PDB file of N, CA and C in Angstrom:
ATOM      1  N   UNK A   1      -8.546 -12.752 -13.637  1.00  0.00           N
ATOM      2  CA  UNK A   1      -9.580 -12.282 -12.896  1.00  0.00           C
ATOM      3  C   UNK A   1      -9.932 -11.750 -14.513  1.00  0.00           C
ATOM      4  N   UNK A   2     -11.041 -12.385 -14.679  1.00  0.00           N
ATOM      5  CA  UNK A   2     -11.834 -11.176 -15.992  1.00  0.00           C
ATOM      6  C   UNK A   2     -12.283  -9.932 -15.812  1.00  0.00           C
ATOM      7  N   UNK A   3     -12.151  -9.353 -16.437  1.00  0.00           N
ATOM      8  CA  UNK A   3     -12.706  -7.894 -16.832  1.00  0.00           C
ATOM      9  C   UNK A   3     -14.175  -7.639 -16.251  1.00  0.00           C
ATOM     10  N   UNK A   4     -14.970  -8.406 -15.723  1.00  0.00           N
ATOM     11  CA  UNK A   4     -16.331  -8.467 -15.285  1.00  0.00           C
ATOM     12  C   UNK A   4     -16.074  -8.253 -13.737  1.00  0.00           C
ATOM     13  N   UNK A   5     -15.397  -8.783 -13.221  1.00  0.00           N
ATOM     14  CA  UNK A   5     -15.291  -9.159 -11.776  1.00  0.00           C
ATOM     15  C   UNK A   5     -14.257  -7.900 -11.346  1.00  0.00           C
ATOM     16  N   UNK A   6     -13.138  -7.389 -12.121  1.00  0.00           N
ATOM     17  CA  UNK A   6     -12.566  -6.426 -11.808  1.00  0.00           C
ATOM     18  C   UNK A   6     -13.540  -5.129 -12.027  1.00  0.00           C
ATOM     19  N   UNK A   7     -14.342  -5.128 -12.881  1.00  0.00           N
ATOM     20  CA  UNK A   7     -15.528  -3.977 -12.861  1.00  0.00           C
ATOM     21  C   UNK A   7     -16.061  -3.683 -11.696  1.00  0.00           C
ATOM     22  N   UNK A   8     -16.731  -5.068 -11.514  1.00  0.00           N
ATOM     23  CA  UNK A   8     -17.727  -5.218 -10.104  1.00  0.00           C
ATOM     24  C   UNK A   8     -17.012  -4.846  -8.724  1.00  0.00           C
ATOM     25  N   UNK A   9     -15.581  -5.640  -8.166  1.00  0.00           N
ATOM     26  CA  UNK A   9     -14.944  -4.833  -8.124  1.00  0.00           C
ATOM     27  C   UNK A   9     -14.491  -3.588  -7.356  1.00  0.00           C
ATOM     28  N   UNK A  10     -14.422  -2.463  -8.831  1.00  0.00           N
ATOM     29  CA  UNK A  10     -14.127  -1.180  -8.718  1.00  0.00           C
ATOM     30  C   UNK A  10     -15.543  -0.531  -8.307  1.00  0.00           C
ATOM     31  N   UNK A  11     -16.319  -0.665  -9.130  1.00  0.00           N
ATOM     32  CA  UNK A  11     -18.042  -0.147  -8.417  1.00  0.00           C
ATOM     33  C   UNK A  11     -18.380  -0.673  -6.922  1.00  0.00           C
ATOM     34  N   UNK A  12     -17.555  -1.684  -6.268  1.00  0.00           N
ATOM     35  CA  UNK A  12     -18.154  -1.872  -4.779  1.00  0.00           C
ATOM     36  C   UNK A  12     -17.153  -1.010  -4.022  1.00  0.00           C
ATOM     37  N   UNK A  13     -15.886  -0.776  -4.561  1.00  0.00           N
ATOM     38  CA  UNK A  13     -15.094  -0.478  -4.170  1.00  0.00           C
ATOM     39  C   UNK A  13     -15.248   1.521  -3.545  1.00  0.00           C
ATOM     40  N   UNK A  14     -16.063   2.192  -5.098  1.00  0.00           N
ATOM     41  CA  UNK A  14     -16.495   3.048  -4.513  1.00  0.00           C
ATOM     42  C   UNK A  14     -17.656   3.777  -4.267  1.00  0.00           C
ATOM     43  N   UNK A  15     -18.470   1.930  -4.415  1.00  0.00           N
ATOM     44  CA  UNK A  15     -19.463   2.542  -3.377  1.00  0.00           C
ATOM     45  C   UNK A  15     -19.333   2.658  -1.911  1.00  0.00           C
ATOM     46  N   UNK A  16     -17.874   1.954  -1.287  1.00  0.00           N
ATOM     47  CA  UNK A  16     -17.647   2.007   0.043  1.00  0.00           C
ATOM     48  C   UNK A  16     -16.665   2.998   0.450  1.00  0.00           C
ATOM     49  N   UNK A  17     -16.196   3.275  -0.552  1.00  0.00           N
ATOM     50  CA  UNK A  17     -15.576   5.042  -0.304  1.00  0.00           C
ATOM     51  C   UNK A  17     -16.661   6.272  -0.301  1.00  0.00           C
ATOM     52  N   UNK A  18     -17.634   5.920  -1.423  1.00  0.00           N
ATOM     53  CA  UNK A  18     -18.900   6.732  -0.953  1.00  0.00           C
ATOM     54  C   UNK A  18     -19.381   6.416   0.292  1.00  0.00           C
ATOM     55  N   UNK A  19     -19.564   5.864   0.762  1.00  0.00           N
ATOM     56  CA  UNK A  19     -20.748   5.741   2.426  1.00  0.00           C
ATOM     57  C   UNK A  19     -19.522   5.776   2.796  1.00  0.00           C
ATOM     58  N   UNK A  20     -18.416   5.544   3.187  1.00  0.00           N
ATOM     59  CA  UNK A  20     -17.884   6.371   4.662  1.00  0.00           C
ATOM     60  C   UNK A  20     -17.331   7.785   4.243  1.00  0.00           C
ATOM     61  N   UNK A  21     -17.124   8.490   3.013  1.00  0.00           N
ATOM     62  CA  UNK A  21     -17.120  10.111   3.024  1.00  0.00           C
ATOM     63  C   UNK A  21     -18.573  10.700   3.191  1.00  0.00           C
ATOM     64  N   UNK A  22     -19.547   9.776   3.200  1.00  0.00           N
ATOM     65  CA  UNK A  22     -20.897  10.208   3.530  1.00  0.00           C
ATOM     66  C   UNK A  22     -20.677  10.503   4.963  1.00  0.00           C
ATOM     67  N   UNK A  23     -20.414   9.082   5.719  1.00  0.00           N
ATOM     68  CA  UNK A  23     -20.147   9.044   7.054  1.00  0.00           C
ATOM     69  C   UNK A  23     -19.311  10.224   8.206  1.00  0.00           C
ATOM     70  N   UNK A  24     -17.985  10.626   7.151  1.00  0.00           N
ATOM     71  CA  UNK A  24     -17.420  11.669   7.771  1.00  0.00           C
ATOM     72  C   UNK A  24     -18.091  12.958   7.631  1.00  0.00           C
ATOM     73  N   UNK A  25     -18.951  13.165   6.455  1.00  0.00           N
ATOM     74  CA  UNK A  25     -19.391  14.269   6.116  1.00  0.00           C
ATOM     75  C   UNK A  25     -20.567  14.713   7.372  1.00  0.00           C
ATOM     76  N   UNK A  26     -20.975  13.503   7.570  1.00  0.00           N
ATOM     77  CA  UNK A  26     -22.209  13.462   8.781  1.00  0.00           C
ATOM     78  C   UNK A  26     -21.488  13.808  10.173  1.00  0.00           C
ATOM     79  N   UNK A  27     -20.433  12.945  10.535  1.00  0.00           N
ATOM     80  CA  UNK A  27     -19.103  13.703  11.113  1.00  0.00           C
ATOM     81  C   UNK A  27     -18.990  15.452  11.226  1.00  0.00           C
ATOM     82  N   UNK A  28     -18.602  15.559   9.878  1.00  0.00           N
ATOM     83  CA  UNK A  28     -18.046  16.942   9.594  1.00  0.00           C
ATOM     84  C   UNK A  28     -19.367  17.829  10.134  1.00  0.00           C
ATOM     85  N   UNK A  29     -20.195  17.664  10.043  1.00  0.00           N
ATOM     86  CA  UNK A  29     -21.925  17.816  10.261  1.00  0.00           C
ATOM     87  C   UNK A  29     -21.727  18.600  11.639  1.00  0.00           C
ATOM     88  N   UNK A  30     -21.548  18.267  12.413  1.00  0.00           N
ATOM     89  CA  UNK A  30     -21.658  18.143  13.756  1.00  0.00           C
ATOM     90  C   UNK A  30     -20.492  18.777  14.410  1.00  0.00           C
ATOM     91  N   UNK A  31     -19.538  18.880  13.730  1.00  0.00           N
ATOM     92  CA  UNK A  31     -18.637  20.145  14.148  1.00  0.00           C
ATOM     93  C   UNK A  31     -18.689  21.403  13.453  1.00  0.00           C
ATOM     94  N   UNK A  32     -19.512  22.189  14.150  1.00  0.00           N
ATOM     95  CA  UNK A  32     -19.840  23.939  14.206  1.00  0.00           C
ATOM     96  C   UNK A  32     -18.772  25.097  14.477  1.00  0.00           C
ATOM     97  N   UNK A  33     -18.379  25.770  13.976  1.00  0.00           N
ATOM     98  CA  UNK A  33     -17.633  26.981  13.925  1.00  0.00           C
ATOM     99  C   UNK A  33     -18.503  28.116  14.404  1.00  0.00           C
ATOM    100  N   UNK A  34     -18.320  28.392  15.178  1.00  0.00           N
ATOM    101  CA  UNK A  34     -19.124  29.820  15.560  1.00  0.00           C
ATOM    102  C   UNK A  34     -20.399  29.541  15.176  1.00  0.00           C
ATOM    103  N   UNK A  35     -21.434  28.419  15.629  1.00  0.00           N
ATOM    104  CA  UNK A  35     -22.726  28.264  15.437  1.00  0.00           C
ATOM    105  C   UNK A  35     -22.856  27.628  13.887  1.00  0.00           C
ATOM    106  N   UNK A  36     -22.797  28.180  12.862  1.00  0.00           N
ATOM    107  CA  UNK A  36     -23.282  27.860  11.440  1.00  0.00           C
ATOM    108  C   UNK A  36     -21.824  26.894  10.540  1.00  0.00           C
ATOM    109  N   UNK A  37     -20.722  27.296  10.799  1.00  0.00           N
ATOM    110  CA  UNK A  37     -20.140  27.123   9.413  1.00  0.00           C
ATOM    111  C   UNK A  37     -19.558  25.854  10.049  1.00  0.00           C
ATOM    112  N   UNK A  38     -19.733  24.525   9.034  1.00  0.00           N
ATOM    113  CA  UNK A  38     -20.086  23.431   9.469  1.00  0.00           C
ATOM    114  C   UNK A  38     -18.670  22.391   8.375  1.00  0.00           C
ATOM    115  N   UNK A  39     -18.168  21.504   8.806  1.00  0.00           N
ATOM    116  CA  UNK A  39     -17.239  21.270   8.173  1.00  0.00           C
ATOM    117  C   UNK A  39     -17.530  19.592   7.250  1.00  0.00           C
ATOM    118  N   UNK A  40     -18.622  19.787   6.634  1.00  0.00           N
ATOM    119  CA  UNK A  40     -19.338  18.597   6.206  1.00  0.00           C
ATOM    120  C   UNK A  40     -18.752  18.900   4.731  1.00  0.00           C
ATOM    121  N   UNK A  41     -18.443  20.099   3.406  1.00  0.00           N
ATOM    122  CA  UNK A  41     -18.214  19.686   2.302  1.00  0.00           C
ATOM    123  C   UNK A  41     -16.523  19.048   2.295  1.00  0.00           C
ATOM    124  N   UNK A  42     -15.789  19.653   3.226  1.00  0.00           N
ATOM    125  CA  UNK A  42     -14.288  18.269   2.942  1.00  0.00           C
ATOM    126  C   UNK A  42     -14.508  17.226   2.138  1.00  0.00           C
ATOM    127  N   UNK A  43     -15.718  16.347   2.433  1.00  0.00           N
ATOM    128  CA  UNK A  43     -15.348  14.873   2.176  1.00  0.00           C
ATOM    129  C   UNK A  43     -16.135  15.015   0.159  1.00  0.00           C
ATOM    130  N   UNK A  44     -16.887  16.282   0.315  1.00  0.00           N
ATOM    131  CA  UNK A  44     -17.574  16.054  -1.007  1.00  0.00           C
ATOM    132  C   UNK A  44     -16.359  16.656  -1.903  1.00  0.00           C
ATOM    133  N   UNK A  45     -15.262  17.744  -1.722  1.00  0.00           N
ATOM    134  CA  UNK A  45     -14.327  17.699  -2.108  1.00  0.00           C
ATOM    135  C   UNK A  45     -13.455  16.870  -2.228  1.00  0.00           C
ATOM    136  N   UNK A  46     -13.284  15.734  -1.735  1.00  0.00           N
ATOM    137  CA  UNK A  46     -12.311  14.605  -2.039  1.00  0.00           C
ATOM    138  C   UNK A  46     -13.162  13.947  -2.497  1.00  0.00           C
ATOM    139  N   UNK A  47     -13.775  13.471  -2.750  1.00  0.00           N
ATOM    140  CA  UNK A  47     -14.800  12.390  -3.475  1.00  0.00           C
ATOM    141  C   UNK A  47     -14.007  12.899  -4.913  1.00  0.00           C
ATOM    142  N   UNK A  48     -15.063  14.236  -5.077  1.00  0.00           N
ATOM    143  CA  UNK A  48     -15.391  14.379  -6.391  1.00  0.00           C
ATOM    144  C   UNK A  48     -13.826  14.661  -7.118  1.00  0.00           C
ATOM    145  N   UNK A  49     -12.602  14.793  -6.119  1.00  0.00           N
ATOM    146  CA  UNK A  49     -10.960  14.518  -6.806  1.00  0.00           C
ATOM    147  C   UNK A  49     -11.029  13.038  -7.083  1.00  0.00           C
ATOM    148  N   UNK A  50     -11.554  12.150  -5.994  1.00  0.00           N
ATOM    149  CA  UNK A  50     -10.953  11.233  -5.776  1.00  0.00           C
ATOM    150  C   UNK A  50     -11.614   9.610  -6.144  1.00  0.00           C
ATOM    151  N   UNK A  51     -12.984  10.051  -6.843  1.00  0.00           N
ATOM    152  CA  UNK A  51     -13.658   9.085  -7.018  1.00  0.00           C
ATOM    153  C   UNK A  51     -14.756   9.588  -8.225  1.00  0.00           C
ATOM    154  N   UNK A  52     -14.937  11.076  -8.321  1.00  0.00           N
ATOM    155  CA  UNK A  52     -15.338  11.176  -9.876  1.00  0.00           C
ATOM    156  C   UNK A  52     -16.067  12.587  -9.318  1.00  0.00           C
ATOM    157  N   UNK A  53     -16.792  13.213 -10.509  1.00  0.00           N
ATOM    158  CA  UNK A  53     -17.765  14.816  -9.857  1.00  0.00           C
ATOM    159  C   UNK A  53     -19.434  13.691  -9.363  1.00  0.00           C
ATOM    160  N   UNK A  54     -19.144  12.695  -9.821  1.00  0.00           N
ATOM    161  CA  UNK A  54     -21.079  12.056  -9.465  1.00  0.00           C
ATOM    162  C   UNK A  54     -21.243  11.644  -8.434  1.00  0.00           C
ATOM    163  N   UNK A  55     -20.132  10.909  -8.052  1.00  0.00           N
ATOM    164  CA  UNK A  55     -19.843  10.431  -6.476  1.00  0.00           C
ATOM    165  C   UNK A  55     -19.358  11.802  -5.668  1.00  0.00           C
ATOM    166  N   UNK A  56     -18.792  12.940  -6.223  1.00  0.00           N
ATOM    167  CA  UNK A  56     -18.455  13.978  -5.365  1.00  0.00           C
ATOM    168  C   UNK A  56     -19.918  14.453  -5.074  1.00  0.00           C
ATOM    169  N   UNK A  57     -20.946  14.671  -6.062  1.00  0.00           N
ATOM    170  CA  UNK A  57     -21.823  15.143  -6.001  1.00  0.00           C
ATOM    171  C   UNK A  57     -22.797  14.970  -5.056  1.00  0.00           C
ATOM    172  N   UNK A  58     -22.355  13.429  -5.043  1.00  0.00           N
ATOM    173  CA  UNK A  58     -23.695  12.534  -3.610  1.00  0.00           C
ATOM    174  C   UNK A  58     -23.252  12.959  -2.484  1.00  0.00           C
ATOM    175  N   UNK A  59     -21.804  12.949  -2.233  1.00  0.00           N
ATOM    176  CA  UNK A  59     -21.672  12.841  -1.140  1.00  0.00           C
ATOM    177  C   UNK A  59     -22.166  14.654  -0.177  1.00  0.00           C
ATOM    178  N   UNK A  60     -21.425  15.314  -1.118  1.00  0.00           N
ATOM    179  CA  UNK A  60     -21.821  16.954  -0.941  1.00  0.00           C
ATOM    180  C   UNK A  60     -23.134  16.688  -0.425  1.00  0.00           C
ATOM    181  N   UNK A  61     -23.958  16.593  -1.693  1.00  0.00           N
ATOM    182  CA  UNK A  61     -25.485  16.552  -1.399  1.00  0.00           C
ATOM    183  C   UNK A  61     -26.602  16.350  -0.357  1.00  0.00           C
ATOM    184  N   UNK A  62     -25.351  14.970   0.060  1.00  0.00           N
ATOM    185  CA  UNK A  62     -25.900  14.096   1.471  1.00  0.00           C
ATOM    186  C   UNK A  62     -25.888  14.971   2.292  1.00  0.00           C
ATOM    187  N   UNK A  63     -24.009  15.882   2.258  1.00  0.00           N
ATOM    188  CA  UNK A  63     -23.397  16.356   3.847  1.00  0.00           C
ATOM    189  C   UNK A  63     -24.550  17.175   4.222  1.00  0.00           C
ATOM    190  N   UNK A  64     -25.264  18.246   2.842  1.00  0.00           N
ATOM    191  CA  UNK A  64     -25.299  19.521   3.301  1.00  0.00           C
ATOM    192  C   UNK A  64     -26.834  19.351   3.676  1.00  0.00           C
ATOM    193  N   UNK A  65     -27.493  18.097   3.257  1.00  0.00           N
ATOM    194  CA  UNK A  65     -28.816  17.687   3.561  1.00  0.00           C
ATOM    195  C   UNK A  65     -29.017  17.202   5.694  1.00  0.00           C
ATOM    196  N   UNK A  66     -27.686  16.657   5.636  1.00  0.00           N
ATOM    197  CA  UNK A  66     -27.296  16.534   6.965  1.00  0.00           C
ATOM    198  C   UNK A  66     -26.945  17.335   7.848  1.00  0.00           C
ATOM    199  N   UNK A  67     -26.096  18.333   7.342  1.00  0.00           N
ATOM    200  CA  UNK A  67     -26.013  19.646   8.224  1.00  0.00           C
ATOM    201  C   UNK A  67     -27.256  20.306   8.480  1.00  0.00           C
ATOM    202  N   UNK A  68     -27.875  20.845   7.319  1.00  0.00           N
ATOM    203  CA  UNK A  68     -28.991  20.925   7.347  1.00  0.00           C
ATOM    204  C   UNK A  68     -30.051  20.113   8.821  1.00  0.00           C
ATOM    205  N   UNK A  69     -29.863  19.332   8.589  1.00  0.00           N
ATOM    206  CA  UNK A  69     -31.341  18.070   9.855  1.00  0.00           C
ATOM    207  C   UNK A  69     -30.985  18.644  11.044  1.00  0.00           C
ATOM    208  N   UNK A  70     -29.261  18.792  11.360  1.00  0.00           N
ATOM    209  CA  UNK A  70     -28.598  18.963  12.528  1.00  0.00           C
ATOM    210  C   UNK A  70     -28.450  20.262  13.255  1.00  0.00           C
ATOM    211  N   UNK A  71     -28.744  20.836  11.551  1.00  0.00           N
ATOM    212  CA  UNK A  71     -29.034  22.198  12.771  1.00  0.00           C
ATOM    213  C   UNK A  71     -30.564  22.842  12.858  1.00  0.00           C
ATOM    214  N   UNK A  72     -31.171  21.781  12.485  1.00  0.00           N
ATOM    215  CA  UNK A  72     -32.572  22.660  12.821  1.00  0.00           C
ATOM    216  C   UNK A  72     -33.499  22.922  11.366  1.00  0.00           C
ATOM    217  N   UNK A  73     -33.097  22.564  10.063  1.00  0.00           N
ATOM    218  CA  UNK A  73     -33.553  23.273   9.109  1.00  0.00           C
ATOM    219  C   UNK A  73     -33.454  24.222   8.810  1.00  0.00           C
ATOM    220  N   UNK A  74     -32.715  25.685   9.138  1.00  0.00           N
ATOM    221  CA  UNK A  74     -33.047  26.888   9.110  1.00  0.00           C
ATOM    222  C   UNK A  74     -33.898  27.731   8.460  1.00  0.00           C
ATOM    223  N   UNK A  75     -33.823  27.253   7.128  1.00  0.00           N
ATOM    224  CA  UNK A  75     -34.363  27.442   5.799  1.00  0.00           C
ATOM    225  C   UNK A  75     -35.701  26.649   5.693  1.00  0.00           C
ATOM    226  N   UNK A  76     -35.990  26.344   6.138  1.00  0.00           N
ATOM    227  CA  UNK A  76     -37.434  25.577   5.874  1.00  0.00           C
ATOM    228  C   UNK A  76     -36.787  24.341   4.893  1.00  0.00           C
ATOM    229  N   UNK A  77     -37.686  23.132   5.166  1.00  0.00           N
ATOM    230  CA  UNK A  77     -37.360  21.893   4.279  1.00  0.00           C
ATOM    231  C   UNK A  77     -37.136  22.102   3.032  1.00  0.00           C
ATOM    232  N   UNK A  78     -38.448  22.492   2.017  1.00  0.00           N
ATOM    233  CA  UNK A  78     -37.983  23.011   0.332  1.00  0.00           C
ATOM    234  C   UNK A  78     -37.047  23.781   0.016  1.00  0.00           C
ATOM    235  N   UNK A  79     -36.898  24.668   1.112  1.00  0.00           N
ATOM    236  CA  UNK A  79     -35.502  25.594   0.287  1.00  0.00           C
ATOM    237  C   UNK A  79     -33.925  24.616   0.252  1.00  0.00           C
ATOM    238  N   UNK A  80     -33.840  24.101   1.439  1.00  0.00           N
ATOM    239  CA  UNK A  80     -32.549  22.711   1.799  1.00  0.00           C
ATOM    240  C   UNK A  80     -32.965  21.799   0.473  1.00  0.00           C
ATOM    241  N   UNK A  81     -33.973  21.365  -0.018  1.00  0.00           N
ATOM    242  CA  UNK A  81     -34.104  20.394  -0.596  1.00  0.00           C
ATOM    243  C   UNK A  81     -33.187  20.873  -2.232  1.00  0.00           C
ATOM    244  N   UNK A  82     -33.870  22.458  -2.642  1.00  0.00           N
ATOM    245  CA  UNK A  82     -33.643  23.210  -3.964  1.00  0.00           C
ATOM    246  C   UNK A  82     -32.123  23.374  -3.641  1.00  0.00           C
ATOM    247  N   UNK A  83     -31.981  23.430  -2.862  1.00  0.00           N
ATOM    248  CA  UNK A  83     -30.119  23.924  -2.122  1.00  0.00           C
ATOM    249  C   UNK A  83     -29.267  22.822  -3.019  1.00  0.00           C
ATOM    250  N   UNK A  84     -29.803  21.672  -1.791  1.00  0.00           N
ATOM    251  CA  UNK A  84     -28.982  20.390  -2.520  1.00  0.00           C
ATOM    252  C   UNK A  84     -29.153  20.356  -3.988  1.00  0.00           C
ATOM    253  N   UNK A  85     -30.767  19.843  -4.484  1.00  0.00           N
ATOM    254  CA  UNK A  85     -30.122  20.103  -6.226  1.00  0.00           C
ATOM    255  C   UNK A  85     -29.584  20.915  -6.774  1.00  0.00           C
ATOM    256  N   UNK A  86     -29.153  22.241  -6.351  1.00  0.00           N
ATOM    257  CA  UNK A  86     -28.624  22.718  -7.129  1.00  0.00           C
ATOM    258  C   UNK A  86     -27.296  22.399  -7.298  1.00  0.00           C
ATOM    259  N   UNK A  87     -26.926  22.209  -5.912  1.00  0.00           N
ATOM    260  CA  UNK A  87     -25.234  21.985  -5.325  1.00  0.00           C
ATOM    261  C   UNK A  87     -24.817  20.144  -6.417  1.00  0.00           C
ATOM    262  N   UNK A  88     -25.961  19.412  -6.139  1.00  0.00           N
ATOM    263  CA  UNK A  88     -25.739  18.229  -6.856  1.00  0.00           C
ATOM    264  C   UNK A  88     -25.819  18.496  -8.334  1.00  0.00           C
ATOM    265  N   UNK A  89     -26.557  19.756  -9.114  1.00  0.00           N
ATOM    266  CA  UNK A  89     -25.972  19.937 -10.384  1.00  0.00           C
ATOM    267  C   UNK A  89     -24.696  20.825 -10.388  1.00  0.00           C
ATOM    268  N   UNK A  90     -24.067  21.410  -9.998  1.00  0.00           N
ATOM    269  CA  UNK A  90     -22.749  22.045 -10.209  1.00  0.00           C
ATOM    270  C   UNK A  90     -21.837  20.973  -9.696  1.00  0.00           C
ATOM    271  N   UNK A  91     -22.035  20.563  -8.839  1.00  0.00           N
ATOM    272  CA  UNK A  91     -20.849  19.533  -8.186  1.00  0.00           C
ATOM    273  C   UNK A  91     -20.672  18.417  -8.971  1.00  0.00           C
ATOM    274  N   UNK A  92     -21.836  17.867 -10.202  1.00  0.00           N
ATOM    275  CA  UNK A  92     -21.320  17.257 -10.983  1.00  0.00           C
ATOM    276  C   UNK A  92     -21.149  17.687 -12.610  1.00  0.00           C
ATOM    277  N   UNK A  93     -21.293  18.612 -12.756  1.00  0.00           N
ATOM    278  CA  UNK A  93     -20.999  19.557 -13.955  1.00  0.00           C
ATOM    279  C   UNK A  93     -19.526  19.522 -13.513  1.00  0.00           C
ATOM    280  N   UNK A  94     -18.557  19.702 -12.964  1.00  0.00           N
ATOM    281  CA  UNK A  94     -17.467  20.255 -12.606  1.00  0.00           C
ATOM    282  C   UNK A  94     -16.286  19.177 -13.193  1.00  0.00           C
TER     283      UNK A  94
END
């Protein structure tokens, strides 16, 4: 196998893992503890450790948006977009 195939396989594997962790984050967003605490950030922490900070930020940001969507966007859509962008910046700088 040449290096181009190995790099392509590595990228494909990371994208598949990211998609699976986003799906797990969505399932975690549906599990609510005391009405507002959701389990959507755990896949983001795992992705940041396992795949790197950029993939972790992507999983955590989409997890937050999915949690907000299933909760009814309690703080309105623009506020949740700002919160997501801030969390993406923080997660990618870890």
